Amino acid sequence: MAKRPKTTPPARILIGIGGWTYEPWRGVFYPKGLSQKKELEFASRALTSIEINGTYYSTFKPASWAKWRDETPDGFVFAVKASRYCTNRRELAGAGESIERFVTQGLSVLGDRLGPINWQFMATKKFDPIDFEAFLKLLPREVDGVALRHALEVRSPTFRDERFYDLARKYGAAIVFADDEDFPEIDEPTADFTYARLMRTKPSVKTGYKPAELDGWAKKARAWAKRGDTFIYFISGAKERDPAAAQALIERVTD
């Protein structure tokens, strides 16, 4: 009997916000009277992904990761922002110990809810091909049997360099697409997934971006999904509008 060919699951478009605790969201995104302890539970059912930002500043115990996992539904995915101690350094080649400390704090407890890790670099960090490759070599492919995916958020225009794109491709890391007037906008297919941060929501627009702009992002998201899973986060800008922007885009990409 012939074996059935293996099928690749369809790419997913996962959309959300940065974090889930923000006072101006209460009574607007979160219903009035909702307990703060229930905010993640609510947000994870209104959105399809959240980028955890607190991990940039602090480490968390495995119990916290387990709590986040248990409060979210099947199919929900967290992206995780890497510790600043890994990326905010003069020589990236020396980040090995910090990287190990970060990835072993409990990320694997999320299991199938673990999405990409966002390694964010300051705008003052310029591209040094030798040092940057040394950093990429330090990024582990798995932790406790859970596969890791890496995204590189660079903010210096010096990274508009074919050598950087080639390095990201060599190590299978995505380059974060940033919609921000101050950071380079790089849309290069260097990994089997796409990671985008949209940072220009406006307070005067109920959905953060105008309807026509959201239509454009939906079209772009579908194009990105042709090359793999796509993660899109509405970050900063008019932060109070970010959940509405995410929900509006989810509506546009949901068949």
C-alpha atoms as a PDB file:
ATOM      1  CA  MET A   1       0.000   0.000   0.000  1.00  0.00           C
ATOM      2  CA  ALA A   2       1.448   3.365  -1.015  1.00  0.00           C
ATOM      3  CA  LYS A   3       2.226   5.797   1.718  1.00  0.00           C
ATOM      4  CA  ARG A   4       0.221   8.963   1.814  1.00  0.00           C
ATOM      5  CA  PRO A   5       2.315  12.043   1.070  1.00  0.00           C
ATOM      6  CA  LYS A   6       3.010  14.235   4.037  1.00  0.00           C
ATOM      7  CA  THR A   7       1.008  17.432   4.006  1.00  0.00           C
ATOM      8  CA  THR A   8       2.264  20.773   5.229  1.00  0.00           C
ATOM      9  CA  PRO A   9      -0.220  22.605   7.466  1.00  0.00           C
ATOM     10  CA  PRO A  10      -1.391  25.883   5.953  1.00  0.00           C
ATOM     11  CA  ALA A  11       0.449  29.018   7.027  1.00  0.00           C
ATOM     12  CA  ARG A  12      -1.256  31.049   9.721  1.00  0.00           C
ATOM     13  CA  ILE A  13      -1.650  34.808  10.036  1.00  0.00           C
ATOM     14  CA  LEU A  14      -1.436  35.655  13.731  1.00  0.00           C
ATOM     15  CA  ILE A  15      -2.217  39.197  14.832  1.00  0.00           C
ATOM     16  CA  GLY A  16      -2.024  40.974  18.146  1.00  0.00           C
ATOM     17  CA  ILE A  17      -0.514  43.622  20.380  1.00  0.00           C
ATOM     18  CA  GLY A  18       2.429  44.122  22.716  1.00  0.00           C
ATOM     19  CA  GLY A  19       1.635  42.940  26.232  1.00  0.00           C
ATOM     20  CA  TRP A  20      -1.809  42.801  27.780  1.00  0.00           C
ATOM     21  CA  THR A  21      -1.583  45.170  30.765  1.00  0.00           C
ATOM     22  CA  TYR A  22      -2.267  48.825  29.932  1.00  0.00           C
ATOM     23  CA  GLU A  23      -4.600  51.003  31.978  1.00  0.00           C
ATOM     24  CA  PRO A  24      -6.139  52.959  29.027  1.00  0.00           C
ATOM     25  CA  TRP A  25      -7.391  49.672  27.558  1.00  0.00           C
ATOM     26  CA  ARG A  26      -9.665  49.168  30.572  1.00  0.00           C
ATOM     27  CA  GLY A  27     -13.219  50.072  29.737  1.00  0.00           C
ATOM     28  CA  VAL A  28     -12.282  50.398  26.039  1.00  0.00           C
ATOM     29  CA  PHE A  29     -10.754  47.098  24.932  1.00  0.00           C
ATOM     30  CA  TYR A  30     -11.400  45.364  28.229  1.00  0.00           C
ATOM     31  CA  PRO A  31     -15.006  45.471  29.464  1.00  0.00           C
ATOM     32  CA  LYS A  32     -15.682  47.703  32.442  1.00  0.00           C
ATOM     33  CA  GLY A  33     -15.355  45.809  35.685  1.00  0.00           C
ATOM     34  CA  LEU A  34     -13.204  43.015  34.231  1.00  0.00           C
ATOM     35  CA  SER A  35     -10.729  41.802  36.848  1.00  0.00           C
ATOM     36  CA  GLN A  36      -7.112  42.529  35.928  1.00  0.00           C
ATOM     37  CA  LYS A  37      -6.420  38.854  36.575  1.00  0.00           C
ATOM     38  CA  LYS A  38      -8.734  38.036  33.659  1.00  0.00           C
ATOM     39  CA  GLU A  39      -7.162  40.417  31.137  1.00  0.00           C
ATOM     40  CA  LEU A  40      -4.897  37.868  29.453  1.00  0.00           C
ATOM     41  CA  GLU A  41      -7.762  35.399  29.250  1.00  0.00           C
ATOM     42  CA  PHE A  42      -9.915  38.055  27.538  1.00  0.00           C
ATOM     43  CA  ALA A  43      -7.178  39.386  25.228  1.00  0.00           C
ATOM     44  CA  SER A  44      -6.170  35.912  24.049  1.00  0.00           C
ATOM     45  CA  ARG A  45      -9.710  35.272  22.860  1.00  0.00           C
ATOM     46  CA  ALA A  46     -10.132  38.646  21.162  1.00  0.00           C
ATOM     47  CA  LEU A  47      -6.745  38.399  19.390  1.00  0.00           C
ATOM     48  CA  THR A  48      -4.700  35.537  17.975  1.00  0.00           C
ATOM     49  CA  SER A  49      -1.260  36.439  19.346  1.00  0.00           C
ATOM     50  CA  ILE A  50       0.514  38.699  21.838  1.00  0.00           C
ATOM     51  CA  GLU A  51       4.138  39.776  21.978  1.00  0.00           C
ATOM     52  CA  ILE A  52       5.369  39.469  25.561  1.00  0.00           C
ATOM     53  CA  ASN A  53       7.367  42.632  26.232  1.00  0.00           C
ATOM     54  CA  GLY A  54       8.140  42.228  29.941  1.00  0.00           C
ATOM     55  CA  THR A  55      10.797  39.631  29.119  1.00  0.00           C
ATOM     56  CA  TYR A  56      12.914  42.428  27.631  1.00  0.00           C
ATOM     57  CA  TYR A  57      13.402  43.833  31.141  1.00  0.00           C
ATOM     58  CA  SER A  58      12.986  40.867  33.492  1.00  0.00           C
ATOM     59  CA  THR A  59      13.118  37.103  33.768  1.00  0.00           C
ATOM     60  CA  PHE A  60      10.145  35.022  34.874  1.00  0.00           C
ATOM     61  CA  LYS A  61       9.825  31.741  36.726  1.00  0.00           C
ATOM     62  CA  PRO A  62       8.447  28.635  35.001  1.00  0.00           C
ATOM     63  CA  ALA A  63       5.239  29.032  37.026  1.00  0.00           C
ATOM     64  CA  SER A  64       4.537  32.335  35.266  1.00  0.00           C
ATOM     65  CA  TRP A  65       5.014  30.770  31.835  1.00  0.00           C
ATOM     66  CA  ALA A  66       2.703  27.913  32.831  1.00  0.00           C
ATOM     67  CA  LYS A  67       0.070  30.393  34.012  1.00  0.00           C
ATOM     68  CA  TRP A  68       0.193  32.279  30.705  1.00  0.00           C
ATOM     69  CA  ARG A  69      -0.089  29.000  28.793  1.00  0.00           C
ATOM     70  CA  ASP A  70      -3.061  27.817  30.830  1.00  0.00           C
ATOM     71  CA  GLU A  71      -4.970  31.104  30.523  1.00  0.00           C
ATOM     72  CA  THR A  72      -4.900  31.071  26.710  1.00  0.00           C
ATOM     73  CA  PRO A  73      -6.876  28.926  24.258  1.00  0.00           C
ATOM     74  CA  ASP A  74      -5.626  26.294  21.839  1.00  0.00           C
ATOM     75  CA  GLY A  75      -4.150  27.900  18.738  1.00  0.00           C
ATOM     76  CA  PHE A  76      -3.092  31.090  20.497  1.00  0.00           C
ATOM     77  CA  VAL A  77       0.603  31.980  20.144  1.00  0.00           C
ATOM     78  CA  PHE A  78       2.961  34.204  22.123  1.00  0.00           C
ATOM     79  CA  ALA A  79       5.947  35.942  20.602  1.00  0.00           C
ATOM     80  CA  VAL A  80       8.628  36.703  23.180  1.00  0.00           C
ATOM     81  CA  LYS A  81      10.862  39.737  23.273  1.00  0.00           C
ATOM     82  CA  ALA A  82      14.422  38.734  24.170  1.00  0.00           C
ATOM     83  CA  SER A  83      16.269  40.194  27.120  1.00  0.00           C
ATOM     84  CA  ARG A  84      18.038  43.499  26.546  1.00  0.00           C
ATOM     85  CA  TYR A  85      21.112  41.981  28.205  1.00  0.00           C
ATOM     86  CA  CYS A  86      21.507  39.807  25.109  1.00  0.00           C
ATOM     87  CA  THR A  87      21.353  42.584  22.523  1.00  0.00           C
ATOM     88  CA  ASN A  88      22.317  45.872  24.185  1.00  0.00           C
ATOM     89  CA  ARG A  89      26.042  45.247  24.277  1.00  0.00           C
ATOM     90  CA  ARG A  90      29.125  46.477  22.471  1.00  0.00           C
ATOM     91  CA  GLU A  91      30.234  43.015  21.350  1.00  0.00           C
ATOM     92  CA  LEU A  92      27.417  40.647  20.469  1.00  0.00           C
ATOM     93  CA  ALA A  93      29.821  37.736  20.318  1.00  0.00           C
ATOM     94  CA  GLY A  94      29.964  37.791  24.125  1.00  0.00           C
ATOM     95  CA  ALA A  95      26.218  37.312  24.603  1.00  0.00           C
ATOM     96  CA  GLY A  96      26.310  33.530  25.012  1.00  0.00           C
ATOM     97  CA  GLU A  97      25.708  33.378  28.762  1.00  0.00           C
ATOM     98  CA  SER A  98      22.895  35.943  28.608  1.00  0.00           C
ATOM     99  CA  ILE A  99      21.223  34.103  25.729  1.00  0.00           C
ATOM    100  CA  GLU A 100      21.357  30.801  27.600  1.00  0.00           C
ATOM    101  CA  ARG A 101      19.911  32.411  30.732  1.00  0.00           C
ATOM    102  CA  PHE A 102      17.107  33.932  28.698  1.00  0.00           C
ATOM    103  CA  VAL A 103      16.028  30.838  26.750  1.00  0.00           C
ATOM    104  CA  THR A 104      16.222  28.501  29.769  1.00  0.00           C
ATOM    105  CA  GLN A 105      14.074  30.606  32.127  1.00  0.00           C
ATOM    106  CA  GLY A 106      10.918  28.710  31.120  1.00  0.00           C
ATOM    107  CA  LEU A 107      10.034  29.519  27.497  1.00  0.00           C
ATOM    108  CA  SER A 108       9.630  25.824  26.715  1.00  0.00           C
ATOM    109  CA  VAL A 109       6.767  25.607  29.215  1.00  0.00           C
ATOM    110  CA  LEU A 110       4.610  27.425  26.639  1.00  0.00           C
ATOM    111  CA  GLY A 111       4.881  24.392  24.350  1.00  0.00           C
ATOM    112  CA  ASP A 112       2.889  24.902  21.144  1.00  0.00           C
ATOM    113  CA  ARG A 113       1.962  28.416  22.263  1.00  0.00           C
ATOM    114  CA  LEU A 114       5.567  29.571  21.823  1.00  0.00           C
ATOM    115  CA  GLY A 115       6.054  31.645  18.697  1.00  0.00           C
ATOM    116  CA  PRO A 116       9.159  33.546  17.548  1.00  0.00           C
ATOM    117  CA  ILE A 117      11.671  35.300  19.763  1.00  0.00           C
ATOM    118  CA  ASN A 118      12.187  38.958  18.857  1.00  0.00           C
ATOM    119  CA  TRP A 119      15.827  40.005  19.303  1.00  0.00           C
ATOM    120  CA  GLN A 120      15.575  43.800  19.309  1.00  0.00           C
ATOM    121  CA  PHE A 121      18.677  45.946  18.798  1.00  0.00           C
ATOM    122  CA  MET A 122      19.033  49.598  19.686  1.00  0.00           C
ATOM    123  CA  ALA A 123      19.184  52.200  16.917  1.00  0.00           C
ATOM    124  CA  THR A 124      22.803  52.873  17.901  1.00  0.00           C
ATOM    125  CA  LYS A 125      23.829  49.274  17.106  1.00  0.00           C
ATOM    126  CA  LYS A 126      25.431  49.348  13.661  1.00  0.00           C
ATOM    127  CA  PHE A 127      25.919  46.379  11.387  1.00  0.00           C
ATOM    128  CA  ASP A 128      29.220  44.581  11.871  1.00  0.00           C
ATOM    129  CA  PRO A 129      29.100  41.403   9.762  1.00  0.00           C
ATOM    130  CA  ILE A 130      31.695  39.493  11.762  1.00  0.00           C
ATOM    131  CA  ASP A 131      30.258  40.289  15.184  1.00  0.00           C
ATOM    132  CA  PHE A 132      26.672  39.801  14.011  1.00  0.00           C
ATOM    133  CA  GLU A 133      27.386  36.376  12.596  1.00  0.00           C
ATOM    134  CA  ALA A 134      29.047  35.446  15.884  1.00  0.00           C
ATOM    135  CA  PHE A 135      25.779  36.413  17.596  1.00  0.00           C
ATOM    136  CA  LEU A 136      23.656  34.387  15.182  1.00  0.00           C
ATOM    137  CA  LYS A 137      25.794  31.328  15.856  1.00  0.00           C
ATOM    138  CA  LEU A 138      24.840  31.604  19.539  1.00  0.00           C
ATOM    139  CA  LEU A 139      21.086  31.390  18.948  1.00  0.00           C
ATOM    140  CA  PRO A 140      19.844  27.905  19.895  1.00  0.00           C
ATOM    141  CA  ARG A 141      17.536  25.955  17.596  1.00  0.00           C
ATOM    142  CA  GLU A 142      15.618  24.371  20.434  1.00  0.00           C
ATOM    143  CA  VAL A 143      15.230  24.330  24.203  1.00  0.00           C
ATOM    144  CA  ASP A 144      13.951  21.276  26.112  1.00  0.00           C
ATOM    145  CA  GLY A 145      12.860  19.770  22.803  1.00  0.00           C
ATOM    146  CA  VAL A 146      10.793  22.819  21.791  1.00  0.00           C
ATOM    147  CA  ALA A 147      11.868  24.391  18.497  1.00  0.00           C
ATOM    148  CA  LEU A 148      12.870  28.053  18.556  1.00  0.00           C
ATOM    149  CA  ARG A 149      12.338  30.602  15.795  1.00  0.00           C
ATOM    150  CA  HIS A 150      14.308  33.839  15.774  1.00  0.00           C
ATOM    151  CA  ALA A 151      13.438  37.295  14.451  1.00  0.00           C
ATOM    152  CA  LEU A 152      15.914  40.177  14.267  1.00  0.00           C
ATOM    153  CA  GLU A 153      14.623  43.688  14.897  1.00  0.00           C
ATOM    154  CA  VAL A 154      17.328  46.073  13.737  1.00  0.00           C
ATOM    155  CA  ARG A 155      16.928  49.840  13.938  1.00  0.00           C
ATOM    156  CA  SER A 156      20.036  51.269  12.297  1.00  0.00           C
ATOM    157  CA  PRO A 157      20.023  52.029   8.545  1.00  0.00           C
ATOM    158  CA  THR A 158      23.436  50.328   8.353  1.00  0.00           C
ATOM    159  CA  PHE A 159      21.536  47.018   8.264  1.00  0.00           C
ATOM    160  CA  ARG A 160      20.222  47.840   4.802  1.00  0.00           C
ATOM    161  CA  ASP A 161      22.971  45.601   3.523  1.00  0.00           C
ATOM    162  CA  GLU A 162      22.888  42.483   1.365  1.00  0.00           C
ATOM    163  CA  ARG A 163      25.471  40.921   3.678  1.00  0.00           C
ATOM    164  CA  PHE A 164      23.005  41.208   6.570  1.00  0.00           C
ATOM    165  CA  TYR A 165      20.210  39.673   4.510  1.00  0.00           C
ATOM    166  CA  ASP A 166      22.500  36.807   3.514  1.00  0.00           C
ATOM    167  CA  LEU A 167      23.473  36.158   7.135  1.00  0.00           C
ATOM    168  CA  ALA A 168      19.839  36.124   8.263  1.00  0.00           C
ATOM    169  CA  ARG A 169      19.050  33.699   5.432  1.00  0.00           C
ATOM    170  CA  LYS A 170      22.025  31.484   6.314  1.00  0.00           C
ATOM    171  CA  TYR A 171      20.825  31.101   9.906  1.00  0.00           C
ATOM    172  CA  GLY A 172      17.107  30.984   9.108  1.00  0.00           C
ATOM    173  CA  ALA A 173      16.265  34.126  11.069  1.00  0.00           C
ATOM    174  CA  ALA A 174      13.505  36.504  10.021  1.00  0.00           C
ATOM    175  CA  ILE A 175      14.177  40.226   9.734  1.00  0.00           C
ATOM    176  CA  VAL A 176      11.434  42.168  11.501  1.00  0.00           C
ATOM    177  CA  PHE A 177       9.457  44.401   9.154  1.00  0.00           C
ATOM    178  CA  ALA A 178       8.921  47.754  10.884  1.00  0.00           C
ATOM    179  CA  ASP A 179       6.285  50.279   9.887  1.00  0.00           C
ATOM    180  CA  ASP A 180       7.885  53.244  11.618  1.00  0.00           C
ATOM    181  CA  GLU A 181       9.234  56.499  10.244  1.00  0.00           C
ATOM    182  CA  ASP A 182      12.425  56.276  12.313  1.00  0.00           C
ATOM    183  CA  PHE A 183      13.497  52.684  11.579  1.00  0.00           C
ATOM    184  CA  PRO A 184      14.518  50.957   8.337  1.00  0.00           C
ATOM    185  CA  GLU A 185      11.716  49.131   6.553  1.00  0.00           C
ATOM    186  CA  ILE A 186      13.184  45.813   5.426  1.00  0.00           C
ATOM    187  CA  ASP A 187      11.017  43.246   3.676  1.00  0.00           C
ATOM    188  CA  GLU A 188      13.324  40.337   2.876  1.00  0.00           C
ATOM    189  CA  PRO A 189      12.302  36.638   2.833  1.00  0.00           C
ATOM    190  CA  THR A 190      15.098  35.221   5.003  1.00  0.00           C
ATOM    191  CA  ALA A 191      13.141  32.631   7.015  1.00  0.00           C
ATOM    192  CA  ASP A 192      10.078  30.398   6.748  1.00  0.00           C
ATOM    193  CA  PHE A 193       7.989  32.953   8.641  1.00  0.00           C
ATOM    194  CA  THR A 194       7.412  36.712   8.690  1.00  0.00           C
ATOM    195  CA  TYR A 195       7.401  39.033  11.692  1.00  0.00           C
ATOM    196  CA  ALA A 196       6.000  42.571  11.419  1.00  0.00           C
ATOM    197  CA  ARG A 197       5.591  45.388  13.934  1.00  0.00           C
ATOM    198  CA  LEU A 198       3.208  48.153  12.885  1.00  0.00           C
ATOM    199  CA  MET A 199       3.927  51.281  14.908  1.00  0.00           C
ATOM    200  CA  ARG A 200       1.989  54.121  13.322  1.00  0.00           C
ATOM    201  CA  THR A 201      -1.471  53.913  14.854  1.00  0.00           C
ATOM    202  CA  LYS A 202      -3.031  57.365  15.292  1.00  0.00           C
ATOM    203  CA  PRO A 203      -5.157  58.550  18.232  1.00  0.00           C
ATOM    204  CA  SER A 204      -7.599  60.311  15.909  1.00  0.00           C
ATOM    205  CA  VAL A 205      -8.472  57.071  14.071  1.00  0.00           C
ATOM    206  CA  LYS A 206     -10.727  54.658  15.967  1.00  0.00           C
ATOM    207  CA  THR A 207      -9.007  51.634  14.448  1.00  0.00           C
ATOM    208  CA  GLY A 208      -5.518  53.154  14.653  1.00  0.00           C
ATOM    209  CA  TYR A 209      -4.946  52.869  10.912  1.00  0.00           C
ATOM    210  CA  LYS A 210      -7.521  54.088   8.393  1.00  0.00           C
ATOM    211  CA  PRO A 211      -9.712  51.420   6.732  1.00  0.00           C
ATOM    212  CA  ALA A 212      -7.870  51.709   3.417  1.00  0.00           C
ATOM    213  CA  GLU A 213      -4.539  51.307   5.201  1.00  0.00           C
ATOM    214  CA  LEU A 214      -5.809  48.203   7.000  1.00  0.00           C
ATOM    215  CA  ASP A 215      -6.977  46.814   3.664  1.00  0.00           C
ATOM    216  CA  GLY A 216      -3.412  47.292   2.430  1.00  0.00           C
ATOM    217  CA  TRP A 217      -1.959  45.498   5.454  1.00  0.00           C
ATOM    218  CA  ALA A 218      -4.398  42.625   4.942  1.00  0.00           C
ATOM    219  CA  LYS A 219      -3.242  42.264   1.348  1.00  0.00           C
ATOM    220  CA  LYS A 220       0.387  42.345   2.486  1.00  0.00           C
ATOM    221  CA  ALA A 221      -0.295  39.785   5.227  1.00  0.00           C
ATOM    222  CA  ARG A 222      -1.756  37.351   2.692  1.00  0.00           C
ATOM    223  CA  ALA A 223       1.287  37.817   0.480  1.00  0.00           C
ATOM    224  CA  TRP A 224       3.609  37.163   3.423  1.00  0.00           C
ATOM    225  CA  ALA A 225       1.614  34.048   4.344  1.00  0.00           C
ATOM    226  CA  LYS A 226       2.511  32.497   1.004  1.00  0.00           C
ATOM    227  CA  ARG A 227       6.025  32.015   2.386  1.00  0.00           C
ATOM    228  CA  GLY A 228       4.998  30.787   5.863  1.00  0.00           C
ATOM    229  CA  ASP A 229       3.422  31.759   9.176  1.00  0.00           C
ATOM    230  CA  THR A 230       2.993  35.497   9.605  1.00  0.00           C
ATOM    231  CA  PHE A 231       3.077  37.345  12.913  1.00  0.00           C
ATOM    232  CA  ILE A 232       1.829  40.946  13.003  1.00  0.00           C
ATOM    233  CA  TYR A 233       1.819  43.158  16.082  1.00  0.00           C
ATOM    234  CA  PHE A 234       0.471  46.666  16.583  1.00  0.00           C
ATOM    235  CA  ILE A 235       3.046  48.215  18.885  1.00  0.00           C
ATOM    236  CA  SER A 236       3.390  51.710  20.367  1.00  0.00           C
ATOM    237  CA  GLY A 237       2.099  54.536  18.135  1.00  0.00           C
ATOM    238  CA  ALA A 238      -1.248  55.460  19.682  1.00  0.00           C
ATOM    239  CA  LYS A 239      -1.109  52.474  22.012  1.00  0.00           C
ATOM    240  CA  GLU A 240      -4.693  52.951  23.165  1.00  0.00           C
ATOM    241  CA  ARG A 241      -5.785  52.173  19.579  1.00  0.00           C
ATOM    242  CA  ASP A 242      -3.638  49.084  19.079  1.00  0.00           C
ATOM    243  CA  PRO A 243      -6.204  46.435  20.153  1.00  0.00           C
ATOM    244  CA  ALA A 244      -8.847  47.907  17.834  1.00  0.00           C
ATOM    245  CA  ALA A 245      -6.328  47.944  14.981  1.00  0.00           C
ATOM    246  CA  ALA A 246      -5.443  44.302  15.605  1.00  0.00           C
ATOM    247  CA  GLN A 247      -9.083  43.259  15.733  1.00  0.00           C
ATOM    248  CA  ALA A 248      -9.858  45.151  12.539  1.00  0.00           C
ATOM    249  CA  LEU A 249      -6.999  43.429  10.714  1.00  0.00           C
ATOM    250  CA  ILE A 250      -8.039  40.008  12.047  1.00  0.00           C
ATOM    251  CA  GLU A 251     -11.483  40.587  10.544  1.00  0.00           C
ATOM    252  CA  ARG A 252      -9.921  41.390   7.177  1.00  0.00           C
ATOM    253  CA  VAL A 253      -7.725  38.273   6.973  1.00  0.00           C
ATOM    254  CA  THR A 254     -10.271  35.815   8.342  1.00  0.00           C
ATOM    255  CA  ASP A 255     -11.925  33.860   5.561  1.00  0.00           C
END
